Amino acid sequence: MTQFLQISDTHIVKTGSLVSGRLDTASPLRRLALRIAELQFEVGPLDGIVVTGDVSDDGTAESYALFQSILEPLNLPIFCIPGNHDARTPFRAAFEEAGYLSKTGRLDWHYELGALQIIGLDTLIEGQGGGELTNDTLEFLKACLTDLTQAPVVVMLHHPPFKSGMAFMDSIGLQRGTEQLSQILAEYKGEVLVLCGHIHRNISTRLAGHTVISAPSVCSSFLFNTHHDAPIGFLKQEGGALLHQWADGFKSIRIDPVRGDGPFAF
């Protein structure tokens, strides 16, 4: 069995700073790192951790260094894609030593993790909240899937290829490329799990016959209010992570940020 953890939207800033002058994002990641270390005694060794974007909130080298320092004690391979708060140049500089990122251009990549093929897609439009799948990125995905024939595949992108129902988040969602993505995935004969972030909530749906799952944010969430006059802002609510397992198929399990008391006999 291959199993890995998905975390998302950590929004780390440099030491001593708060997001929007209010939200401490480093502490939730530290707490989650302790939970991940504990989790491996419960489910066995993890093959790695994937991060579906917004690693940083301010795109600074200091924020990426802090992110790495918090997760480094876990001694696990970590694979990241950029979100709308990230910046390509410092992102690439921070993670280039891991060896999975391209040297130039968009941050699209492909890596074999255990029995799985992991494909990371770059949806970042620098300076904007919304995202896009460019022709180059879509061609990269298509070429990867053509080579992989029927292998089990995980496709990662930050912006969800579906509408969440939260109007203010959907307004800065995936602006271009959803239809082409659906066409490419529909042609693939193997199993695909599509993972995303951005909306700070755990939502599961389908695209082109494949499961799509958005991860909660490590540090905050958005109120799931589908009214058009819904308040815009974040909640101080730690979302934990998702555990994805592959054996004869995919299985995904929500991992809460804290273990909780117990178990108690009943």
C-alpha atoms as a PDB file:
ATOM      1  CA  MET A   1       0.000   0.000   0.000  1.00  0.00           C
ATOM      2  CA  THR A   2       1.073   3.551  -0.770  1.00  0.00           C
ATOM      3  CA  GLN A   3      -0.178   6.238   1.604  1.00  0.00           C
ATOM      4  CA  PHE A   4       0.504   9.932   1.799  1.00  0.00           C
ATOM      5  CA  LEU A   5      -0.862  12.957   3.581  1.00  0.00           C
ATOM      6  CA  GLN A   6      -2.361  16.022   1.890  1.00  0.00           C
ATOM      7  CA  ILE A   7      -2.144  19.375   3.628  1.00  0.00           C
ATOM      8  CA  SER A   8      -3.140  22.682   2.108  1.00  0.00           C
ATOM      9  CA  ASP A   9      -3.249  26.434   2.505  1.00  0.00           C
ATOM     10  CA  THR A  10      -0.755  26.776   5.333  1.00  0.00           C
ATOM     11  CA  HIS A  11      -0.367  30.524   4.585  1.00  0.00           C
ATOM     12  CA  ILE A  12       2.910  30.810   6.456  1.00  0.00           C
ATOM     13  CA  VAL A  13       4.421  34.271   6.913  1.00  0.00           C
ATOM     14  CA  LYS A  14       7.782  35.262   8.303  1.00  0.00           C
ATOM     15  CA  THR A  15       8.384  34.775  12.030  1.00  0.00           C
ATOM     16  CA  GLY A  16       6.565  37.311  14.169  1.00  0.00           C
ATOM     17  CA  SER A  17       3.978  38.254  11.538  1.00  0.00           C
ATOM     18  CA  LEU A  18       0.247  37.533  11.478  1.00  0.00           C
ATOM     19  CA  VAL A  19      -1.995  37.072   8.435  1.00  0.00           C
ATOM     20  CA  SER A  20      -4.313  40.100   8.190  1.00  0.00           C
ATOM     21  CA  GLY A  21      -2.830  41.257  11.481  1.00  0.00           C
ATOM     22  CA  ARG A  22      -4.860  38.567  13.266  1.00  0.00           C
ATOM     23  CA  LEU A  23      -4.110  34.977  12.266  1.00  0.00           C
ATOM     24  CA  ASP A  24      -1.116  33.012  13.555  1.00  0.00           C
ATOM     25  CA  THR A  25      -0.479  30.379  10.886  1.00  0.00           C
ATOM     26  CA  ALA A  26       2.784  28.862  12.132  1.00  0.00           C
ATOM     27  CA  SER A  27       1.328  27.481  15.368  1.00  0.00           C
ATOM     28  CA  PRO A  28      -1.386  25.375  13.666  1.00  0.00           C
ATOM     29  CA  LEU A  29       1.256  23.872  11.362  1.00  0.00           C
ATOM     30  CA  ARG A  30       3.434  23.025  14.366  1.00  0.00           C
ATOM     31  CA  ARG A  31       0.500  21.333  16.061  1.00  0.00           C
ATOM     32  CA  LEU A  32      -0.314  19.408  12.892  1.00  0.00           C
ATOM     33  CA  ALA A  33       3.312  18.282  12.566  1.00  0.00           C
ATOM     34  CA  LEU A  34       3.057  16.722  16.027  1.00  0.00           C
ATOM     35  CA  ARG A  35      -0.194  15.021  14.998  1.00  0.00           C
ATOM     36  CA  ILE A  36       1.472  13.672  11.831  1.00  0.00           C
ATOM     37  CA  ALA A  37       4.306  12.187  13.872  1.00  0.00           C
ATOM     38  CA  GLU A  38       1.723  10.552  16.144  1.00  0.00           C
ATOM     39  CA  LEU A  39      -0.375   9.378  13.179  1.00  0.00           C
ATOM     40  CA  GLN A  40       2.397   7.170  11.855  1.00  0.00           C
ATOM     41  CA  PHE A  41       2.126   5.010  14.979  1.00  0.00           C
ATOM     42  CA  GLU A  42      -1.555   4.504  14.129  1.00  0.00           C
ATOM     43  CA  VAL A  43      -1.529   3.923  10.352  1.00  0.00           C
ATOM     44  CA  GLY A  44       2.091   3.033   9.624  1.00  0.00           C
ATOM     45  CA  PRO A  45       4.797   4.902   7.715  1.00  0.00           C
ATOM     46  CA  LEU A  46       3.813   7.618   5.266  1.00  0.00           C
ATOM     47  CA  ASP A  47       5.381   7.747   1.812  1.00  0.00           C
ATOM     48  CA  GLY A  48       5.259  11.532   1.764  1.00  0.00           C
ATOM     49  CA  ILE A  49       3.307  14.749   2.204  1.00  0.00           C
ATOM     50  CA  VAL A  50       1.768  16.756  -0.636  1.00  0.00           C
ATOM     51  CA  VAL A  51       0.840  20.414  -0.230  1.00  0.00           C
ATOM     52  CA  THR A  52      -1.859  21.768  -2.542  1.00  0.00           C
ATOM     53  CA  GLY A  53      -0.821  25.398  -2.632  1.00  0.00           C
ATOM     54  CA  ASP A  54      -0.700  28.606  -0.642  1.00  0.00           C
ATOM     55  CA  VAL A  55       2.305  27.327   1.242  1.00  0.00           C
ATOM     56  CA  SER A  56       3.104  30.981   1.952  1.00  0.00           C
ATOM     57  CA  ASP A  57       0.778  33.909   2.456  1.00  0.00           C
ATOM     58  CA  ASP A  58       3.271  36.587   1.413  1.00  0.00           C
ATOM     59  CA  GLY A  59       5.546  34.712  -1.015  1.00  0.00           C
ATOM     60  CA  THR A  60       8.716  35.558   0.908  1.00  0.00           C
ATOM     61  CA  ALA A  61      11.832  33.419   1.212  1.00  0.00           C
ATOM     62  CA  GLU A  62      11.515  33.750   5.005  1.00  0.00           C
ATOM     63  CA  SER A  63       8.044  32.187   4.982  1.00  0.00           C
ATOM     64  CA  TYR A  64       9.169  29.189   2.929  1.00  0.00           C
ATOM     65  CA  ALA A  65      12.148  28.676   5.234  1.00  0.00           C
ATOM     66  CA  LEU A  66       9.836  28.694   8.264  1.00  0.00           C
ATOM     67  CA  PHE A  67       7.476  26.203   6.585  1.00  0.00           C
ATOM     68  CA  GLN A  68      10.376  23.858   5.906  1.00  0.00           C
ATOM     69  CA  SER A  69      11.796  24.170   9.408  1.00  0.00           C
ATOM     70  CA  ILE A  70       8.450  23.171  10.957  1.00  0.00           C
ATOM     71  CA  LEU A  71       8.043  20.015   8.847  1.00  0.00           C
ATOM     72  CA  GLU A  72      11.712  19.013   8.658  1.00  0.00           C
ATOM     73  CA  PRO A  73      11.666  16.935  11.896  1.00  0.00           C
ATOM     74  CA  LEU A  74       9.120  14.576  10.288  1.00  0.00           C
ATOM     75  CA  ASN A  75      11.839  13.418   7.871  1.00  0.00           C
ATOM     76  CA  LEU A  76       9.321  12.867   5.087  1.00  0.00           C
ATOM     77  CA  PRO A  77       9.537  13.848   1.407  1.00  0.00           C
ATOM     78  CA  ILE A  78       7.355  16.901   0.758  1.00  0.00           C
ATOM     79  CA  PHE A  79       5.914  17.856  -2.638  1.00  0.00           C
ATOM     80  CA  CYS A  80       4.368  21.284  -3.173  1.00  0.00           C
ATOM     81  CA  ILE A  81       2.469  23.142  -5.855  1.00  0.00           C
ATOM     82  CA  PRO A  82       1.956  26.927  -5.825  1.00  0.00           C
ATOM     83  CA  GLY A  83      -1.265  28.691  -4.884  1.00  0.00           C
ATOM     84  CA  ASN A  84      -2.376  32.233  -5.560  1.00  0.00           C
ATOM     85  CA  HIS A  85      -0.501  33.570  -2.510  1.00  0.00           C
ATOM     86  CA  ASP A  86       2.777  31.962  -3.548  1.00  0.00           C
ATOM     87  CA  ALA A  87       5.457  33.523  -5.767  1.00  0.00           C
ATOM     88  CA  ARG A  88       7.238  31.353  -8.333  1.00  0.00           C
ATOM     89  CA  THR A  89      10.817  32.561  -7.935  1.00  0.00           C
ATOM     90  CA  PRO A  90      11.145  32.172  -4.146  1.00  0.00           C
ATOM     91  CA  PHE A  91       8.962  29.030  -4.286  1.00  0.00           C
ATOM     92  CA  ARG A  92      11.325  27.403  -6.785  1.00  0.00           C
ATOM     93  CA  ALA A  93      14.375  28.503  -4.810  1.00  0.00           C
ATOM     94  CA  ALA A  94      12.938  27.043  -1.605  1.00  0.00           C
ATOM     95  CA  PHE A  95      12.053  23.611  -2.997  1.00  0.00           C
ATOM     96  CA  GLU A  96      14.468  23.090  -5.897  1.00  0.00           C
ATOM     97  CA  GLU A  97      16.827  20.873  -3.871  1.00  0.00           C
ATOM     98  CA  ALA A  98      14.087  18.252  -3.565  1.00  0.00           C
ATOM     99  CA  GLY A  99      14.586  17.621  -7.289  1.00  0.00           C
ATOM    100  CA  TYR A 100      11.004  17.386  -8.548  1.00  0.00           C
ATOM    101  CA  LEU A 101      10.560  20.964  -9.812  1.00  0.00           C
ATOM    102  CA  SER A 102      11.409  22.194 -13.296  1.00  0.00           C
ATOM    103  CA  LYS A 103      14.354  24.579 -13.524  1.00  0.00           C
ATOM    104  CA  THR A 104      12.460  27.231 -15.495  1.00  0.00           C
ATOM    105  CA  GLY A 105       8.946  28.132 -16.562  1.00  0.00           C
ATOM    106  CA  ARG A 106       5.790  27.006 -14.836  1.00  0.00           C
ATOM    107  CA  LEU A 107       5.981  24.811 -11.770  1.00  0.00           C
ATOM    108  CA  ASP A 108       4.487  21.678 -13.336  1.00  0.00           C
ATOM    109  CA  TRP A 109       6.054  18.394 -12.282  1.00  0.00           C
ATOM    110  CA  HIS A 110       5.716  14.596 -12.268  1.00  0.00           C
ATOM    111  CA  TYR A 111       7.037  12.227  -9.597  1.00  0.00           C
ATOM    112  CA  GLU A 112       6.684   8.516  -8.859  1.00  0.00           C
ATOM    113  CA  LEU A 113       5.696   7.949  -5.223  1.00  0.00           C
ATOM    114  CA  GLY A 114       5.452   4.284  -4.305  1.00  0.00           C
ATOM    115  CA  ALA A 115       2.836   2.705  -6.566  1.00  0.00           C
ATOM    116  CA  LEU A 116       1.447   6.117  -7.555  1.00  0.00           C
ATOM    117  CA  GLN A 117       2.274   8.682 -10.204  1.00  0.00           C
ATOM    118  CA  ILE A 118       1.922  12.205  -8.780  1.00  0.00           C
ATOM    119  CA  ILE A 119       1.431  15.116 -11.190  1.00  0.00           C
ATOM    120  CA  GLY A 120       1.606  18.678  -9.864  1.00  0.00           C
ATOM    121  CA  LEU A 121       0.026  21.455 -11.944  1.00  0.00           C
ATOM    122  CA  ASP A 122       0.705  25.192 -11.652  1.00  0.00           C
ATOM    123  CA  THR A 123      -2.492  27.305 -11.712  1.00  0.00           C
ATOM    124  CA  LEU A 124      -0.888  30.488 -10.359  1.00  0.00           C
ATOM    125  CA  ILE A 125      -1.565  33.858 -12.009  1.00  0.00           C
ATOM    126  CA  GLU A 126       0.855  36.024 -10.078  1.00  0.00           C
ATOM    127  CA  GLY A 127      -0.813  39.045  -8.543  1.00  0.00           C
ATOM    128  CA  GLN A 128      -4.326  37.614  -8.844  1.00  0.00           C
ATOM    129  CA  GLY A 129      -6.564  35.469  -6.681  1.00  0.00           C
ATOM    130  CA  GLY A 130      -7.990  33.416  -9.518  1.00  0.00           C
ATOM    131  CA  GLY A 131      -6.088  30.702 -11.333  1.00  0.00           C
ATOM    132  CA  GLU A 132      -5.707  29.166 -14.762  1.00  0.00           C
ATOM    133  CA  LEU A 133      -4.537  26.047 -16.524  1.00  0.00           C
ATOM    134  CA  THR A 134      -2.486  27.313 -19.449  1.00  0.00           C
ATOM    135  CA  ASN A 135      -2.087  25.436 -22.711  1.00  0.00           C
ATOM    136  CA  ASP A 136       1.467  24.520 -21.698  1.00  0.00           C
ATOM    137  CA  THR A 137       0.297  23.042 -18.403  1.00  0.00           C
ATOM    138  CA  LEU A 138      -2.535  21.135 -20.057  1.00  0.00           C
ATOM    139  CA  GLU A 139      -0.148  19.757 -22.682  1.00  0.00           C
ATOM    140  CA  PHE A 140       2.213  18.718 -19.891  1.00  0.00           C
ATOM    141  CA  LEU A 141      -0.603  16.817 -18.179  1.00  0.00           C
ATOM    142  CA  LYS A 142      -1.719  15.196 -21.415  1.00  0.00           C
ATOM    143  CA  ALA A 143       1.822  14.060 -22.243  1.00  0.00           C
ATOM    144  CA  CYS A 144       2.275  12.586 -18.750  1.00  0.00           C
ATOM    145  CA  LEU A 145      -0.976  10.642 -18.922  1.00  0.00           C
ATOM    146  CA  THR A 146      -0.191   9.365 -22.404  1.00  0.00           C
ATOM    147  CA  ASP A 147       3.092   7.921 -21.147  1.00  0.00           C
ATOM    148  CA  LEU A 148       1.499   6.409 -18.034  1.00  0.00           C
ATOM    149  CA  THR A 149      -1.231   4.459 -19.868  1.00  0.00           C
ATOM    150  CA  GLN A 150      -3.271   2.915 -16.998  1.00  0.00           C
ATOM    151  CA  ALA A 151      -1.138   3.551 -13.882  1.00  0.00           C
ATOM    152  CA  PRO A 152      -2.915   5.005 -10.809  1.00  0.00           C
ATOM    153  CA  VAL A 153      -2.436   8.784 -10.878  1.00  0.00           C
ATOM    154  CA  VAL A 154      -2.832  11.667  -8.450  1.00  0.00           C
ATOM    155  CA  VAL A 155      -3.286  15.074 -10.119  1.00  0.00           C
ATOM    156  CA  MET A 156      -2.746  18.129  -7.905  1.00  0.00           C
ATOM    157  CA  LEU A 157      -3.799  21.718  -8.567  1.00  0.00           C
ATOM    158  CA  HIS A 158      -4.501  24.571  -6.172  1.00  0.00           C
ATOM    159  CA  HIS A 159      -7.682  26.042  -7.635  1.00  0.00           C
ATOM    160  CA  PRO A 160     -10.601  23.566  -7.618  1.00  0.00           C
ATOM    161  CA  PRO A 161     -11.968  22.526 -11.031  1.00  0.00           C
ATOM    162  CA  PHE A 162     -15.518  22.848  -9.655  1.00  0.00           C
ATOM    163  CA  LYS A 163     -17.767  25.478  -8.101  1.00  0.00           C
ATOM    164  CA  SER A 164     -17.819  25.388  -4.305  1.00  0.00           C
ATOM    165  CA  GLY A 165     -21.050  27.361  -3.881  1.00  0.00           C
ATOM    166  CA  MET A 166     -19.233  30.054  -1.893  1.00  0.00           C
ATOM    167  CA  ALA A 167     -19.640  33.028  -4.205  1.00  0.00           C
ATOM    168  CA  PHE A 168     -16.604  35.041  -3.127  1.00  0.00           C
ATOM    169  CA  MET A 169     -14.305  32.019  -3.459  1.00  0.00           C
ATOM    170  CA  ASP A 170     -15.764  30.924  -6.791  1.00  0.00           C
ATOM    171  CA  SER A 171     -15.142  34.454  -8.111  1.00  0.00           C
ATOM    172  CA  ILE A 172     -11.414  33.803  -7.622  1.00  0.00           C
ATOM    173  CA  GLY A 173     -11.522  30.150  -8.642  1.00  0.00           C
ATOM    174  CA  LEU A 174     -10.177  28.429 -11.738  1.00  0.00           C
ATOM    175  CA  GLN A 175     -10.811  30.947 -14.509  1.00  0.00           C
ATOM    176  CA  ARG A 176      -9.594  28.952 -17.516  1.00  0.00           C
ATOM    177  CA  GLY A 177      -8.870  25.344 -18.416  1.00  0.00           C
ATOM    178  CA  THR A 178     -11.541  23.367 -16.555  1.00  0.00           C
ATOM    179  CA  GLU A 179     -13.206  22.059 -19.703  1.00  0.00           C
ATOM    180  CA  GLN A 180      -9.911  21.009 -21.269  1.00  0.00           C
ATOM    181  CA  LEU A 181      -8.858  19.356 -17.999  1.00  0.00           C
ATOM    182  CA  SER A 182     -12.095  17.382 -17.974  1.00  0.00           C
ATOM    183  CA  GLN A 183     -11.521  16.233 -21.553  1.00  0.00           C
ATOM    184  CA  ILE A 184      -7.985  15.071 -20.807  1.00  0.00           C
ATOM    185  CA  LEU A 185      -9.043  13.162 -17.683  1.00  0.00           C
ATOM    186  CA  ALA A 186     -11.993  11.575 -19.472  1.00  0.00           C
ATOM    187  CA  GLU A 187      -9.611   9.976 -21.973  1.00  0.00           C
ATOM    188  CA  TYR A 188      -7.414   8.344 -19.312  1.00  0.00           C
ATOM    189  CA  LYS A 189      -8.174   4.665 -18.732  1.00  0.00           C
ATOM    190  CA  GLY A 190      -6.528   4.299 -15.325  1.00  0.00           C
ATOM    191  CA  GLU A 191      -7.696   5.510 -11.914  1.00  0.00           C
ATOM    192  CA  VAL A 192      -7.185   9.193 -11.144  1.00  0.00           C
ATOM    193  CA  LEU A 193      -7.583  11.103  -7.885  1.00  0.00           C
ATOM    194  CA  VAL A 194      -7.661  14.897  -8.302  1.00  0.00           C
ATOM    195  CA  LEU A 195      -6.576  16.928  -5.260  1.00  0.00           C
ATOM    196  CA  CYS A 196      -6.914  20.664  -4.722  1.00  0.00           C
ATOM    197  CA  GLY A 197      -7.036  23.370  -2.063  1.00  0.00           C
ATOM    198  CA  HIS A 198      -7.871  27.088  -2.121  1.00  0.00           C
ATOM    199  CA  ILE A 199     -11.392  26.943  -0.636  1.00  0.00           C
ATOM    200  CA  HIS A 200     -10.219  25.938   2.862  1.00  0.00           C
ATOM    201  CA  ARG A 201     -12.893  23.229   3.042  1.00  0.00           C
ATOM    202  CA  ASN A 202     -13.116  19.483   2.503  1.00  0.00           C
ATOM    203  CA  ILE A 203     -15.431  18.927  -0.473  1.00  0.00           C
ATOM    204  CA  SER A 204     -15.645  15.779  -2.592  1.00  0.00           C
ATOM    205  CA  THR A 205     -17.165  15.647  -6.065  1.00  0.00           C
ATOM    206  CA  ARG A 206     -16.587  14.104  -9.511  1.00  0.00           C
ATOM    207  CA  LEU A 207     -14.985  15.319 -12.720  1.00  0.00           C
ATOM    208  CA  ALA A 208     -14.899  13.288 -15.933  1.00  0.00           C
ATOM    209  CA  GLY A 209     -15.642  10.114 -13.983  1.00  0.00           C
ATOM    210  CA  HIS A 210     -12.883  10.690 -11.424  1.00  0.00           C
ATOM    211  CA  THR A 211     -13.002  11.773  -7.770  1.00  0.00           C
ATOM    212  CA  VAL A 212     -11.992  15.344  -6.902  1.00  0.00           C
ATOM    213  CA  ILE A 213     -11.259  16.262  -3.282  1.00  0.00           C
ATOM    214  CA  SER A 214     -10.435  19.660  -1.826  1.00  0.00           C
ATOM    215  CA  ALA A 215      -8.474  19.708   1.415  1.00  0.00           C
ATOM    216  CA  PRO A 216      -9.212  21.855   4.438  1.00  0.00           C
ATOM    217  CA  SER A 217      -6.735  24.555   5.356  1.00  0.00           C
ATOM    218  CA  VAL A 218      -4.270  23.840   8.139  1.00  0.00           C
ATOM    219  CA  CYS A 219      -4.917  27.210   9.769  1.00  0.00           C
ATOM    220  CA  SER A 220      -8.353  28.610   8.873  1.00  0.00           C
ATOM    221  CA  SER A 221     -11.628  28.033   7.053  1.00  0.00           C
ATOM    222  CA  PHE A 222     -14.381  29.925   5.263  1.00  0.00           C
ATOM    223  CA  LEU A 223     -18.008  29.821   6.316  1.00  0.00           C
ATOM    224  CA  PHE A 224     -19.947  27.540   3.976  1.00  0.00           C
ATOM    225  CA  ASN A 225     -22.641  30.097   3.213  1.00  0.00           C
ATOM    226  CA  THR A 226     -24.087  29.876  -0.291  1.00  0.00           C
ATOM    227  CA  HIS A 227     -26.048  33.150  -0.119  1.00  0.00           C
ATOM    228  CA  HIS A 228     -24.728  35.910  -2.365  1.00  0.00           C
ATOM    229  CA  ASP A 229     -24.684  38.369   0.531  1.00  0.00           C
ATOM    230  CA  ALA A 230     -22.630  36.008   2.697  1.00  0.00           C
ATOM    231  CA  PRO A 231     -19.958  37.708   4.809  1.00  0.00           C
ATOM    232  CA  ILE A 232     -16.439  37.585   3.345  1.00  0.00           C
ATOM    233  CA  GLY A 233     -13.658  36.609   5.707  1.00  0.00           C
ATOM    234  CA  PHE A 234     -11.931  33.684   7.382  1.00  0.00           C
ATOM    235  CA  LEU A 235     -12.688  31.658  10.489  1.00  0.00           C
ATOM    236  CA  LYS A 236     -10.052  30.702  13.055  1.00  0.00           C
ATOM    237  CA  GLN A 237     -10.660  27.010  12.528  1.00  0.00           C
ATOM    238  CA  GLU A 238      -7.864  24.483  12.034  1.00  0.00           C
ATOM    239  CA  GLY A 239      -8.749  21.902   9.409  1.00  0.00           C
ATOM    240  CA  GLY A 240      -6.150  19.169   9.787  1.00  0.00           C
ATOM    241  CA  ALA A 241      -5.246  17.049   6.765  1.00  0.00           C
ATOM    242  CA  LEU A 242      -6.361  14.243   4.464  1.00  0.00           C
ATOM    243  CA  LEU A 243      -4.809  10.791   4.408  1.00  0.00           C
ATOM    244  CA  HIS A 244      -4.887   9.157   0.969  1.00  0.00           C
ATOM    245  CA  GLN A 245      -4.234   5.444   0.560  1.00  0.00           C
ATOM    246  CA  TRP A 246      -3.790   3.344  -2.561  1.00  0.00           C
ATOM    247  CA  ALA A 247      -4.092  -0.449  -2.584  1.00  0.00           C
ATOM    248  CA  ASP A 248      -6.645  -1.847  -5.043  1.00  0.00           C
ATOM    249  CA  GLY A 249      -8.152   1.633  -5.314  1.00  0.00           C
ATOM    250  CA  PHE A 250      -8.084   5.012  -3.599  1.00  0.00           C
ATOM    251  CA  LYS A 251      -9.321   5.625  -0.076  1.00  0.00           C
ATOM    252  CA  SER A 252      -9.293   9.075   1.562  1.00  0.00           C
ATOM    253  CA  ILE A 253      -9.662   9.774   5.285  1.00  0.00           C
ATOM    254  CA  ARG A 254     -10.018  13.093   7.087  1.00  0.00           C
ATOM    255  CA  ILE A 255      -7.396  13.501   9.829  1.00  0.00           C
ATOM    256  CA  ASP A 256      -8.413  15.969  12.532  1.00  0.00           C
ATOM    257  CA  PRO A 257      -5.768  18.430  13.765  1.00  0.00           C
ATOM    258  CA  VAL A 258      -5.832  16.928  17.262  1.00  0.00           C
ATOM    259  CA  ARG A 259      -6.370  13.320  18.284  1.00  0.00           C
ATOM    260  CA  GLY A 260      -8.887  14.014  21.034  1.00  0.00           C
ATOM    261  CA  ASP A 261      -9.281  12.332  24.431  1.00  0.00           C
ATOM    262  CA  GLY A 262      -9.898   8.600  24.674  1.00  0.00           C
ATOM    263  CA  PRO A 263     -10.671   6.070  23.386  1.00  0.00           C
ATOM    264  CA  PHE A 264     -13.078   5.279  26.210  1.00  0.00           C
ATOM    265  CA  ALA A 265     -14.726   1.908  26.729  1.00  0.00           C
ATOM    266  CA  PHE A 266     -18.419   1.694  25.820  1.00  0.00           C
END
